[in-house]
Protein backbone atom coordinates (compact mmCIF):
# COMPACT_ATOMS: atom_id res chain seq x y z
CA MET A 1 0.00 0.00 0.00
CA PRO A 2 1.50 3.41 -0.95
CA ALA A 3 2.40 5.67 1.97
CA PHE A 4 -0.35 8.19 1.17
CA GLU A 5 -3.00 5.47 1.21
CA TRP A 6 -1.62 4.13 4.49
CA VAL A 7 -1.85 7.59 6.08
CA HIS A 8 -5.38 8.04 4.71
CA VAL A 9 -6.46 4.69 6.19
CA GLN A 10 -4.79 5.51 9.51
CA LEU A 11 -6.60 8.86 9.69
CA HIS A 12 -9.96 7.22 9.09
CA GLN A 13 -9.25 4.53 11.68
CA GLN A 14 -8.22 7.16 14.22
CA LYS A 15 -11.10 9.56 13.59
CA GLY A 16 -13.38 8.07 16.23
CA MET A 17 -10.58 7.93 18.81
CA ILE A 18 -9.79 11.64 19.00
CA SER A 19 -11.98 14.56 19.98
CA LEU A 20 -10.95 16.72 17.02
CA SER A 21 -11.26 15.66 13.41
CA PRO A 22 -8.02 15.43 11.39
CA PRO A 23 -8.80 18.57 9.31
CA THR A 24 -9.18 20.56 12.53
CA ILE A 25 -5.90 19.22 13.82
CA CYS A 26 -4.11 19.99 10.59
CA ASN A 27 -5.40 23.55 10.40
CA SER A 28 -5.08 24.83 13.95
CA ALA A 29 -2.13 23.43 15.91
CA LEU A 30 0.88 25.73 15.75
CA SER A 31 4.32 25.67 17.30
CA THR A 32 7.55 27.54 16.68
CA THR A 33 11.06 26.37 17.43
CA SER A 34 14.55 27.73 17.75
CA PRO A 35 17.20 26.71 15.19
CA GLN A 36 18.20 24.05 17.74
CA SER A 37 14.62 22.64 17.60
CA HIS A 38 13.58 23.81 21.07
CA ILE A 39 9.94 24.84 21.33
CA THR A 40 9.52 28.61 21.67
CA TYR A 41 5.74 28.92 21.23
CA VAL A 42 2.65 26.69 21.19
CA ASN A 43 -0.91 27.84 20.58
CA PRO A 44 -3.88 26.58 22.63
CA ASP A 45 -4.83 24.01 19.96
CA PHE A 46 -1.35 22.48 20.04
CA ILE A 47 -1.62 22.21 23.83
CA LYS A 48 -5.09 20.64 23.65
CA ILE A 49 -4.18 18.13 20.96
CA SER A 50 -0.84 17.08 22.47
CA GLY A 51 -2.08 16.84 26.07
CA PHE A 52 1.01 18.65 27.37
CA THR A 53 0.84 21.96 29.22
CA GLU A 54 2.53 25.05 27.83
CA GLU A 55 5.05 24.85 30.68
CA GLU A 56 5.90 21.24 29.80
CA LEU A 57 6.50 22.15 26.15
CA LEU A 58 8.31 25.49 26.13
CA GLY A 59 12.07 25.10 25.99
CA GLN A 60 11.88 21.37 25.27
CA PRO A 61 13.22 19.75 22.10
CA HIS A 62 10.36 19.45 19.61
CA ASN A 63 10.88 15.69 19.56
CA ILE A 64 8.99 15.59 22.87
CA VAL A 65 5.95 14.96 20.63
CA ARG A 66 7.71 12.66 18.13
CA HIS A 67 6.01 9.30 17.83
CA PRO A 68 8.39 6.31 17.73
CA ASP A 69 6.68 5.05 14.55
CA MET A 70 8.14 7.98 12.59
CA PRO A 71 11.24 6.87 10.70
CA PRO A 72 14.42 8.82 11.54
CA ALA A 73 15.01 9.32 7.80
CA ALA A 74 11.89 11.51 7.62
CA PHE A 75 13.41 13.96 10.11
CA GLU A 76 16.84 13.78 8.50
CA HIS A 77 15.22 14.84 5.22
CA MET A 78 13.23 17.56 6.99
CA TRP A 79 16.31 19.06 8.68
CA SER A 80 18.40 18.80 5.53
CA THR A 81 15.70 20.70 3.64
CA LEU A 82 15.35 23.40 6.32
CA LYS A 83 19.11 23.87 6.69
CA SER A 84 19.36 24.44 2.95
CA GLY A 85 16.99 27.40 3.36
CA ARG A 86 13.93 25.72 1.87
CA SER A 87 10.54 25.03 3.45
CA TRP A 88 9.36 21.49 4.19
CA MET A 89 5.90 19.92 4.12
CA GLY A 90 4.85 16.42 5.11
CA LEU A 91 2.61 14.21 7.21
CA VAL A 92 3.92 13.58 10.71
CA LYS A 93 2.65 11.17 13.34
CA ASN A 94 3.00 12.84 16.75
CA ARG A 95 2.73 11.38 20.25
CA CYS A 96 0.36 12.76 22.89
CA LYS A 97 1.47 13.03 26.50
CA ASN A 98 -0.73 10.04 27.39
CA GLY A 99 0.86 7.89 24.66
CA ASP A 100 -1.92 8.27 22.08
CA HIS A 101 -1.06 9.75 18.72
CA TYR A 102 -2.34 12.25 16.18
CA TRP A 103 -1.46 13.14 12.61
CA VAL A 104 -0.26 16.54 11.49
CA SER A 105 -0.01 17.91 7.99
CA ALA A 106 3.12 19.88 8.81
CA ALA A 107 4.39 22.95 6.99
CA LEU A 108 7.77 24.08 8.30
CA LEU A 109 8.96 27.50 7.25
CA ASN A 110 12.22 29.37 7.73
CA LYS A 111 12.20 32.98 8.91
CA SER A 112 13.56 33.85 5.47
CA ASP A 113 10.19 32.76 4.04
CA PHE A 114 8.66 35.87 5.62
CA GLY A 115 10.97 38.40 3.98
């Protein structure tokens, strides 16, 4: 099964297990990080979806929400792309504080993308 189809199936299987539908998750959770990948900001939707408090997230490496099912190569590609000055987009499986997971359609931008 192609990766996109697998993600699509996973989203449909998960839909009844989370309080927010996948489109809501993909459109509202927001975090910012330092160049060293430490969390510098999270919005209320990110907090609600992840199950962590703002205090638990700020200053932590962003991999605090990384799900172990995500292959390391995905993040190697992401960082390589960002370090080259380009933006990165992809589907990411994140881990909630309680061990559950959620999917994010991630769009990572460099400050240079804003002029």
